[in-house]
Amino acid sequence: MSVNCPICEAEAEEKLPRISGRIEIVCPRCRRFGITASALAIVYHRPPEDRHAALCHARAIAEHDKATPLITTAVVNPSNASHFRWRKQSVVHVI
């Protein structure tokens, strides 16, 4: 199914059915990642640099586990705002 990427807003593909509580996105810019339904509802209200920082953080976690990055509410929670600002410099290199 064709959707807009919740991170960069480019046209992307949704790979998992939404009944699983999360979806998997394959984006030409952001590559493959998962996002929970609750995080998806939050991420659209965040500025672009915070969205990219959330994906960066999810990738760092997934790299350790050798898994598909998964963006959860813990990653996009407002209490992590200082983390988003800190990661802003490295986001440019991810895209």
PDB file of N, CA and C in Angstrom:
ATOM      1  N   MET A   1       0.845  -1.174   0.000  1.00  0.00           N
ATOM      2  CA  MET A   1       0.000   0.000   0.000  1.00  0.00           C
ATOM      3  C   MET A   1       0.895   1.243   0.000  1.00  0.00           C
ATOM      4  N   SER A   2       0.568   2.191  -0.814  1.00  0.00           N
ATOM      5  CA  SER A   2       1.338   3.425  -0.910  1.00  0.00           C
ATOM      6  C   SER A   2       0.879   4.421   0.157  1.00  0.00           C
ATOM      7  N   VAL A   3       1.839   4.970   0.891  1.00  0.00           N
ATOM      8  CA  VAL A   3       1.577   5.949   1.953  1.00  0.00           C
ATOM      9  C   VAL A   3       2.665   7.018   1.898  1.00  0.00           C
ATOM     10  N   ASN A   4       2.508   8.054   2.685  1.00  0.00           N
ATOM     11  CA  ASN A   4       3.588   9.025   2.858  1.00  0.00           C
ATOM     12  C   ASN A   4       4.427   8.600   4.059  1.00  0.00           C
ATOM     13  N   CYS A   5       5.725   8.681   3.904  1.00  0.00           N
ATOM     14  CA  CYS A   5       6.633   8.348   4.998  1.00  0.00           C
ATOM     15  C   CYS A   5       6.385   9.309   6.162  1.00  0.00           C
ATOM     16  N   PRO A   6       6.194   8.800   7.383  1.00  0.00           N
ATOM     17  CA  PRO A   6       5.963   9.684   8.522  1.00  0.00           C
ATOM     18  C   PRO A   6       7.207  10.475   8.942  1.00  0.00           C
ATOM     19  N   ILE A   7       8.355  10.120   8.414  1.00  0.00           N
ATOM     20  CA  ILE A   7       9.594  10.820   8.760  1.00  0.00           C
ATOM     21  C   ILE A   7       9.881  11.941   7.764  1.00  0.00           C
ATOM     22  N   CYS A   8       9.955  11.613   6.473  1.00  0.00           N
ATOM     23  CA  CYS A   8      10.341  12.614   5.465  1.00  0.00           C
ATOM     24  C   CYS A   8       9.193  13.039   4.556  1.00  0.00           C
ATOM     25  N   GLU A   9       8.044  12.378   4.663  1.00  0.00           N
ATOM     26  CA  GLU A   9       6.834  12.661   3.894  1.00  0.00           C
ATOM     27  C   GLU A   9       6.934  12.292   2.408  1.00  0.00           C
ATOM     28  N   ALA A  10       7.968  11.558   2.025  1.00  0.00           N
ATOM     29  CA  ALA A  10       8.078  11.069   0.646  1.00  0.00           C
ATOM     30  C   ALA A  10       7.106   9.901   0.453  1.00  0.00           C
ATOM     31  N   GLU A  11       6.804   9.576  -0.794  1.00  0.00           N
ATOM     32  CA  GLU A  11       5.959   8.425  -1.064  1.00  0.00           C
ATOM     33  C   GLU A  11       6.707   7.160  -0.647  1.00  0.00           C
ATOM     34  N   ALA A  12       6.025   6.286   0.079  1.00  0.00           N
ATOM     35  CA  ALA A  12       6.642   5.076   0.617  1.00  0.00           C
ATOM     36  C   ALA A  12       5.650   3.922   0.530  1.00  0.00           C
ATOM     37  N   GLU A  13       6.099   2.747   0.921  1.00  0.00           N
ATOM     38  CA  GLU A  13       5.254   1.552   0.941  1.00  0.00           C
ATOM     39  C   GLU A  13       5.023   1.106   2.379  1.00  0.00           C
ATOM     40  N   GLU A  14       3.783   0.750   2.688  1.00  0.00           N
ATOM     41  CA  GLU A  14       3.440   0.175   3.989  1.00  0.00           C
ATOM     42  C   GLU A  14       3.466  -1.333   3.818  1.00  0.00           C
ATOM     43  N   LYS A  15       4.260  -2.039   4.632  1.00  0.00           N
ATOM     44  CA  LYS A  15       4.464  -3.469   4.426  1.00  0.00           C
ATOM     45  C   LYS A  15       3.706  -4.376   5.396  1.00  0.00           C
ATOM     46  N   LEU A  16       3.383  -3.927   6.587  1.00  0.00           N
ATOM     47  CA  LEU A  16       2.666  -4.773   7.541  1.00  0.00           C
ATOM     48  C   LEU A  16       1.246  -4.276   7.713  1.00  0.00           C
ATOM     49  N   PRO A  17       0.297  -5.160   7.920  1.00  0.00           N
ATOM     50  CA  PRO A  17      -1.069  -4.700   8.180  1.00  0.00           C
ATOM     51  C   PRO A  17      -1.139  -3.969   9.518  1.00  0.00           C
ATOM     52  N   ARG A  18      -1.968  -2.963   9.588  1.00  0.00           N
ATOM     53  CA  ARG A  18      -2.077  -2.145  10.797  1.00  0.00           C
ATOM     54  C   ARG A  18      -2.668  -2.891  11.988  1.00  0.00           C
ATOM     55  N   ILE A  19      -3.232  -4.046  11.787  1.00  0.00           N
ATOM     56  CA  ILE A  19      -3.826  -4.775  12.905  1.00  0.00           C
ATOM     57  C   ILE A  19      -2.764  -5.281  13.880  1.00  0.00           C
ATOM     58  N   SER A  20      -1.516  -5.265  13.500  1.00  0.00           N
ATOM     59  CA  SER A  20      -0.445  -5.761  14.358  1.00  0.00           C
ATOM     60  C   SER A  20      -0.022  -4.748  15.425  1.00  0.00           C
ATOM     61  N   GLY A  21      -0.590  -3.541  15.424  1.00  0.00           N
ATOM     62  CA  GLY A  21      -0.191  -2.524  16.400  1.00  0.00           C
ATOM     63  C   GLY A  21       1.000  -1.702  15.948  1.00  0.00           C
ATOM     64  N   ARG A  22       1.570  -2.094  14.837  1.00  0.00           N
ATOM     65  CA  ARG A  22       2.669  -1.331  14.252  1.00  0.00           C
ATOM     66  C   ARG A  22       2.632  -1.543  12.752  1.00  0.00           C
ATOM     67  N   ILE A  23       3.303  -0.675  12.045  1.00  0.00           N
ATOM     68  CA  ILE A  23       3.416  -0.842  10.602  1.00  0.00           C
ATOM     69  C   ILE A  23       4.889  -0.810  10.230  1.00  0.00           C
ATOM     70  N   GLU A  24       5.187  -1.372   9.098  1.00  0.00           N
ATOM     71  CA  GLU A  24       6.546  -1.321   8.577  1.00  0.00           C
ATOM     72  C   GLU A  24       6.511  -0.469   7.323  1.00  0.00           C
ATOM     73  N   ILE A  25       7.402   0.499   7.262  1.00  0.00           N
ATOM     74  CA  ILE A  25       7.494   1.434   6.149  1.00  0.00           C
ATOM     75  C   ILE A  25       8.781   1.163   5.377  1.00  0.00           C
ATOM     76  N   VAL A  26       8.684   1.192   4.068  1.00  0.00           N
ATOM     77  CA  VAL A  26       9.872   1.147   3.219  1.00  0.00           C
ATOM     78  C   VAL A  26       9.846   2.425   2.392  1.00  0.00           C
ATOM     79  N   CYS A  27      10.802   3.301   2.692  1.00  0.00           N
ATOM     80  CA  CYS A  27      10.886   4.621   2.078  1.00  0.00           C
ATOM     81  C   CYS A  27      12.186   4.715   1.282  1.00  0.00           C
ATOM     82  N   PRO A  28      12.163   5.331   0.102  1.00  0.00           N
ATOM     83  CA  PRO A  28      13.404   5.462  -0.668  1.00  0.00           C
ATOM     84  C   PRO A  28      14.453   6.324   0.035  1.00  0.00           C
ATOM     85  N   ARG A  29      14.021   7.239   0.881  1.00  0.00           N
ATOM     86  CA  ARG A  29      14.966   8.103   1.607  1.00  0.00           C
ATOM     87  C   ARG A  29      15.354   7.535   2.966  1.00  0.00           C
ATOM     88  N   CYS A  30      14.361   7.068   3.718  1.00  0.00           N
ATOM     89  CA  CYS A  30      14.593   6.636   5.105  1.00  0.00           C
ATOM     90  C   CYS A  30      14.852   5.141   5.231  1.00  0.00           C
ATOM     91  N   ARG A  31      14.670   4.403   4.162  1.00  0.00           N
ATOM     92  CA  ARG A  31      14.843   2.948   4.129  1.00  0.00           C
ATOM     93  C   ARG A  31      13.756   2.265   4.964  1.00  0.00           C
ATOM     94  N   ARG A  32      13.975   1.033   5.354  1.00  0.00           N
ATOM     95  CA  ARG A  32      12.977   0.225   6.062  1.00  0.00           C
ATOM     96  C   ARG A  32      13.015   0.521   7.567  1.00  0.00           C
ATOM     97  N   PHE A  33      11.833   0.731   8.133  1.00  0.00           N
ATOM     98  CA  PHE A  33      11.710   0.898   9.588  1.00  0.00           C
ATOM     99  C   PHE A  33      10.281   0.593   9.992  1.00  0.00           C
ATOM    100  N   GLY A  34      10.092   0.330  11.279  1.00  0.00           N
ATOM    101  CA  GLY A  34       8.761   0.106  11.821  1.00  0.00           C
ATOM    102  C   GLY A  34       8.365   1.274  12.707  1.00  0.00           C
ATOM    103  N   ILE A  35       7.073   1.445  12.893  1.00  0.00           N
ATOM    104  CA  ILE A  35       6.581   2.479  13.795  1.00  0.00           C
ATOM    105  C   ILE A  35       5.286   1.973  14.420  1.00  0.00           C
ATOM    106  N   THR A  36       5.155   2.146  15.730  1.00  0.00           N
ATOM    107  CA  THR A  36       3.931   1.712  16.386  1.00  0.00           C
ATOM    108  C   THR A  36       2.808   2.683  16.048  1.00  0.00           C
ATOM    109  N   ALA A  37       1.579   2.207  16.166  1.00  0.00           N
ATOM    110  CA  ALA A  37       0.421   3.044  15.857  1.00  0.00           C
ATOM    111  C   ALA A  37       0.367   4.272  16.758  1.00  0.00           C
ATOM    112  N   SER A  38       0.698   4.106  18.023  1.00  0.00           N
ATOM    113  CA  SER A  38       0.670   5.251  18.945  1.00  0.00           C
ATOM    114  C   SER A  38       1.768   6.256  18.629  1.00  0.00           C
ATOM    115  N   ALA A  39       2.949   5.781  18.233  1.00  0.00           N
ATOM    116  CA  ALA A  39       4.035   6.693  17.847  1.00  0.00           C
ATOM    117  C   ALA A  39       3.695   7.406  16.548  1.00  0.00           C
ATOM    118  N   LEU A  40       3.019   6.712  15.640  1.00  0.00           N
ATOM    119  CA  LEU A  40       2.611   7.315  14.376  1.00  0.00           C
ATOM    120  C   LEU A  40       1.694   8.511  14.607  1.00  0.00           C
ATOM    121  N   ALA A  41       0.790   8.388  15.574  1.00  0.00           N
ATOM    122  CA  ALA A  41      -0.127   9.484  15.891  1.00  0.00           C
ATOM    123  C   ALA A  41       0.616  10.704  16.441  1.00  0.00           C
ATOM    124  N   ILE A  42       1.719  10.479  17.116  1.00  0.00           N
ATOM    125  CA  ILE A  42       2.506  11.564  17.721  1.00  0.00           C
ATOM    126  C   ILE A  42       3.476  12.191  16.733  1.00  0.00           C
ATOM    127  N   VAL A  43       4.123  11.371  15.916  1.00  0.00           N
ATOM    128  CA  VAL A  43       5.244  11.837  15.098  1.00  0.00           C
ATOM    129  C   VAL A  43       4.831  12.904  14.083  1.00  0.00           C
ATOM    130  N   TYR A  44       3.611  12.856  13.591  1.00  0.00           N
ATOM    131  CA  TYR A  44       3.169  13.864  12.622  1.00  0.00           C
ATOM    132  C   TYR A  44       3.113  15.263  13.215  1.00  0.00           C
ATOM    133  N   HIS A  45       3.076  15.377  14.543  1.00  0.00           N
ATOM    134  CA  HIS A  45       3.023  16.673  15.209  1.00  0.00           C
ATOM    135  C   HIS A  45       4.408  17.178  15.608  1.00  0.00           C
ATOM    136  N   ARG A  46       5.436  16.458  15.239  1.00  0.00           N
ATOM    137  CA  ARG A  46       6.807  16.839  15.563  1.00  0.00           C
ATOM    138  C   ARG A  46       7.463  17.520  14.359  1.00  0.00           C
ATOM    139  N   PRO A  47       8.404  18.425  14.617  1.00  0.00           N
ATOM    140  CA  PRO A  47       9.140  19.035  13.499  1.00  0.00           C
ATOM    141  C   PRO A  47      10.022  17.995  12.795  1.00  0.00           C
ATOM    142  N   PRO A  48      10.359  18.243  11.539  1.00  0.00           N
ATOM    143  CA  PRO A  48      11.140  17.271  10.763  1.00  0.00           C
ATOM    144  C   PRO A  48      12.432  16.816  11.445  1.00  0.00           C
ATOM    145  N   GLU A  49      13.148  17.710  12.076  1.00  0.00           N
ATOM    146  CA  GLU A  49      14.413  17.296  12.705  1.00  0.00           C
ATOM    147  C   GLU A  49      14.171  16.330  13.856  1.00  0.00           C
ATOM    148  N   ASP A  50      13.042  16.463  14.559  1.00  0.00           N
ATOM    149  CA  ASP A  50      12.714  15.528  15.632  1.00  0.00           C
ATOM    150  C   ASP A  50      12.312  14.167  15.070  1.00  0.00           C
ATOM    151  N   ARG A  51      11.631  14.167  13.929  1.00  0.00           N
ATOM    152  CA  ARG A  51      11.259  12.904  13.283  1.00  0.00           C
ATOM    153  C   ARG A  51      12.505  12.131  12.866  1.00  0.00           C
ATOM    154  N   HIS A  52      13.443  12.841  12.244  1.00  0.00           N
ATOM    155  CA  HIS A  52      14.685  12.195  11.810  1.00  0.00           C
ATOM    156  C   HIS A  52      15.507  11.720  13.008  1.00  0.00           C
ATOM    157  N   ALA A  53      15.493  12.493  14.077  1.00  0.00           N
ATOM    158  CA  ALA A  53      16.219  12.087  15.284  1.00  0.00           C
ATOM    159  C   ALA A  53      15.601  10.831  15.885  1.00  0.00           C
ATOM    160  N   ALA A  54      14.276  10.723  15.851  1.00  0.00           N
ATOM    161  CA  ALA A  54      13.600   9.528  16.364  1.00  0.00           C
ATOM    162  C   ALA A  54      14.012   8.300  15.551  1.00  0.00           C
ATOM    163  N   LEU A  55      14.077   8.442  14.234  1.00  0.00           N
ATOM    164  CA  LEU A  55      14.507   7.332  13.396  1.00  0.00           C
ATOM    165  C   LEU A  55      15.968   6.984  13.665  1.00  0.00           C
ATOM    166  N   CYS A  56      16.785   7.985  13.846  1.00  0.00           N
ATOM    167  CA  CYS A  56      18.204   7.774  14.169  1.00  0.00           C
ATOM    168  C   CYS A  56      18.346   6.972  15.470  1.00  0.00           C
ATOM    169  N   HIS A  57      17.572   7.360  16.460  1.00  0.00           N
ATOM    170  CA  HIS A  57      17.603   6.682  17.759  1.00  0.00           C
ATOM    171  C   HIS A  57      17.127   5.234  17.604  1.00  0.00           C
ATOM    172  N   ALA A  58      16.054   5.026  16.857  1.00  0.00           N
ATOM    173  CA  ALA A  58      15.544   3.666  16.633  1.00  0.00           C
ATOM    174  C   ALA A  58      16.576   2.819  15.895  1.00  0.00           C
ATOM    175  N   ARG A  59      17.286   3.412  14.949  1.00  0.00           N
ATOM    176  CA  ARG A  59      18.336   2.675  14.223  1.00  0.00           C
ATOM    177  C   ARG A  59      19.476   2.284  15.143  1.00  0.00           C
ATOM    178  N   ALA A  60      19.843   3.175  16.051  1.00  0.00           N
ATOM    179  CA  ALA A  60      20.926   2.868  16.988  1.00  0.00           C
ATOM    180  C   ALA A  60      20.552   1.687  17.883  1.00  0.00           C
ATOM    181  N   ILE A  61      19.309   1.651  18.330  1.00  0.00           N
ATOM    182  CA  ILE A  61      18.834   0.537  19.156  1.00  0.00           C
ATOM    183  C   ILE A  61      18.805  -0.745  18.330  1.00  0.00           C
ATOM    184  N   ALA A  62      18.285  -0.664  17.123  1.00  0.00           N
ATOM    185  CA  ALA A  62      18.150  -1.843  16.261  1.00  0.00           C
ATOM    186  C   ALA A  62      19.497  -2.400  15.831  1.00  0.00           C
ATOM    187  N   GLU A  63      20.471  -1.531  15.661  1.00  0.00           N
ATOM    188  CA  GLU A  63      21.799  -1.982  15.249  1.00  0.00           C
ATOM    189  C   GLU A  63      22.376  -2.944  16.271  1.00  0.00           C
ATOM    190  N   HIS A  64      22.152  -2.650  17.521  1.00  0.00           N
ATOM    191  CA  HIS A  64      22.637  -3.512  18.606  1.00  0.00           C
ATOM    192  C   HIS A  64      21.978  -4.888  18.538  1.00  0.00           C
ATOM    193  N   ASP A  65      20.685  -4.923  18.214  1.00  0.00           N
ATOM    194  CA  ASP A  65      19.923  -6.173  18.165  1.00  0.00           C
ATOM    195  C   ASP A  65      19.877  -6.805  16.779  1.00  0.00           C
ATOM    196  N   LYS A  66      20.452  -6.139  15.780  1.00  0.00           N
ATOM    197  CA  LYS A  66      20.406  -6.599  14.385  1.00  0.00           C
ATOM    198  C   LYS A  66      18.957  -6.784  13.918  1.00  0.00           C
ATOM    199  N   ALA A  67      18.106  -5.815  14.243  1.00  0.00           N
ATOM    200  CA  ALA A  67      16.685  -5.878  13.915  1.00  0.00           C
ATOM    201  C   ALA A  67      16.280  -4.678  13.063  1.00  0.00           C
ATOM    202  N   THR A  68      15.047  -4.706  12.555  1.00  0.00           N
ATOM    203  CA  THR A  68      14.496  -3.563  11.841  1.00  0.00           C
ATOM    204  C   THR A  68      14.251  -2.454  12.854  1.00  0.00           C
ATOM    205  N   PRO A  69      14.690  -1.224  12.588  1.00  0.00           N
ATOM    206  CA  PRO A  69      14.437  -0.114  13.522  1.00  0.00           C
ATOM    207  C   PRO A  69      12.939   0.041  13.789  1.00  0.00           C
ATOM    208  N   LEU A  70      12.576   0.259  15.059  1.00  0.00           N
ATOM    209  CA  LEU A  70      11.183   0.431  15.441  1.00  0.00           C
ATOM    210  C   LEU A  70      11.043   1.725  16.243  1.00  0.00           C
ATOM    211  N   ILE A  71      10.250   2.649  15.721  1.00  0.00           N
ATOM    212  CA  ILE A  71       9.975   3.898  16.422  1.00  0.00           C
ATOM    213  C   ILE A  71       8.778   3.664  17.338  1.00  0.00           C
ATOM    214  N   THR A  72       8.961   3.900  18.621  1.00  0.00           N
ATOM    215  CA  THR A  72       7.913   3.712  19.617  1.00  0.00           C
ATOM    216  C   THR A  72       7.617   5.051  20.295  1.00  0.00           C
ATOM    217  N   THR A  73       6.609   5.067  21.143  1.00  0.00           N
ATOM    218  CA  THR A  73       6.295   6.309  21.856  1.00  0.00           C
ATOM    219  C   THR A  73       7.443   6.724  22.769  1.00  0.00           C
ATOM    220  N   ALA A  74       8.217   5.783  23.258  1.00  0.00           N
ATOM    221  CA  ALA A  74       9.370   6.131  24.101  1.00  0.00           C
ATOM    222  C   ALA A  74      10.391   6.955  23.325  1.00  0.00           C
ATOM    223  N   VAL A  75      10.474   6.730  22.018  1.00  0.00           N
ATOM    224  CA  VAL A  75      11.426   7.462  21.176  1.00  0.00           C
ATOM    225  C   VAL A  75      10.904   8.854  20.830  1.00  0.00           C
ATOM    226  N   VAL A  76       9.596   9.012  20.667  1.00  0.00           N
ATOM    227  CA  VAL A  76       9.040  10.310  20.273  1.00  0.00           C
ATOM    228  C   VAL A  76       8.387  11.058  21.427  1.00  0.00           C
ATOM    229  N   ASN A  77       8.518  10.554  22.636  1.00  0.00           N
ATOM    230  CA  ASN A  77       7.941  11.183  23.829  1.00  0.00           C
ATOM    231  C   ASN A  77       8.542  12.567  24.051  1.00  0.00           C
ATOM    232  N   PRO A  78       7.722  13.568  24.405  1.00  0.00           N
ATOM    233  CA  PRO A  78       8.253  14.914  24.645  1.00  0.00           C
ATOM    234  C   PRO A  78       9.355  14.979  25.703  1.00  0.00           C
ATOM    235  N   SER A  79       9.388  14.029  26.618  1.00  0.00           N
ATOM    236  CA  SER A  79      10.441  14.044  27.630  1.00  0.00           C
ATOM    237  C   SER A  79      11.816  13.800  27.023  1.00  0.00           C
ATOM    238  N   ASN A  80      11.841  13.319  25.774  1.00  0.00           N
ATOM    239  CA  ASN A  80      13.109  13.096  25.064  1.00  0.00           C
ATOM    240  C   ASN A  80      13.531  14.288  24.220  1.00  0.00           C
ATOM    241  N   ALA A  81      12.899  15.447  24.416  1.00  0.00           N
ATOM    242  CA  ALA A  81      13.164  16.610  23.564  1.00  0.00           C
ATOM    243  C   ALA A  81      14.643  16.998  23.562  1.00  0.00           C
ATOM    244  N   SER A  82      15.308  16.920  24.710  1.00  0.00           N
ATOM    245  CA  SER A  82      16.725  17.276  24.739  1.00  0.00           C
ATOM    246  C   SER A  82      17.543  16.289  23.911  1.00  0.00           C
ATOM    247  N   HIS A  83      17.110  15.025  23.865  1.00  0.00           N
ATOM    248  CA  HIS A  83      17.794  14.031  23.040  1.00  0.00           C
ATOM    249  C   HIS A  83      17.672  14.409  21.565  1.00  0.00           C
ATOM    250  N   PHE A  84      16.488  14.884  21.149  1.00  0.00           N
ATOM    251  CA  PHE A  84      16.298  15.267  19.760  1.00  0.00           C
ATOM    252  C   PHE A  84      17.243  16.393  19.381  1.00  0.00           C
ATOM    253  N   ARG A  85      17.388  17.387  20.217  1.00  0.00           N
ATOM    254  CA  ARG A  85      18.276  18.511  19.908  1.00  0.00           C
ATOM    255  C   ARG A  85      19.721  18.031  19.820  1.00  0.00           C
ATOM    256  N   TRP A  86      20.107  17.114  20.705  1.00  0.00           N
ATOM    257  CA  TRP A  86      21.472  16.602  20.719  1.00  0.00           C
ATOM    258  C   TRP A  86      21.776  15.840  19.430  1.00  0.00           C
ATOM    259  N   ARG A  87      20.801  15.077  18.908  1.00  0.00           N
ATOM    260  CA  ARG A  87      21.008  14.266  17.725  1.00  0.00           C
ATOM    261  C   ARG A  87      20.908  15.051  16.417  1.00  0.00           C
ATOM    262  N   LYS A  88      20.493  16.288  16.486  1.00  0.00           N
ATOM    263  CA  LYS A  88      20.221  17.076  15.284  1.00  0.00           C
ATOM    264  C   LYS A  88      21.404  17.095  14.319  1.00  0.00           C
ATOM    265  N   GLN A  89      22.616  17.205  14.813  1.00  0.00           N
ATOM    266  CA  GLN A  89      23.794  17.256  13.959  1.00  0.00           C
ATOM    267  C   GLN A  89      24.003  15.978  13.167  1.00  0.00           C
ATOM    268  N   SER A  90      23.729  14.818  13.779  1.00  0.00           N
ATOM    269  CA  SER A  90      23.965  13.558  13.097  1.00  0.00           C
ATOM    270  C   SER A  90      22.857  13.176  12.127  1.00  0.00           C
ATOM    271  N   VAL A  91      21.706  13.805  12.235  1.00  0.00           N
ATOM    272  CA  VAL A  91      20.578  13.485  11.370  1.00  0.00           C
ATOM    273  C   VAL A  91      20.896  13.776   9.910  1.00  0.00           C
ATOM    274  N   VAL A  92      21.630  14.811   9.665  1.00  0.00           N
ATOM    275  CA  VAL A  92      21.971  15.189   8.289  1.00  0.00           C
ATOM    276  C   VAL A  92      22.694  14.051   7.580  1.00  0.00           C
ATOM    277  N   HIS A  93      23.473  13.268   8.300  1.00  0.00           N
ATOM    278  CA  HIS A  93      24.234  12.180   7.710  1.00  0.00           C
ATOM    279  C   HIS A  93      23.408  10.943   7.442  1.00  0.00           C
ATOM    280  N   VAL A  94      22.222  10.825   8.038  1.00  0.00           N
ATOM    281  CA  VAL A  94      21.386   9.648   7.887  1.00  0.00           C
ATOM    282  C   VAL A  94      20.668   9.643   6.550  1.00  0.00           C
ATOM    283  N   ILE A  95      20.282  10.792   6.092  1.00  0.00           N
ATOM    284  CA  ILE A  95      19.428  10.894   4.903  1.00  0.00           C
ATOM    285  C   ILE A  95      20.165  10.570   3.634  1.00  0.00           C
TER     286      ILE A  95
END
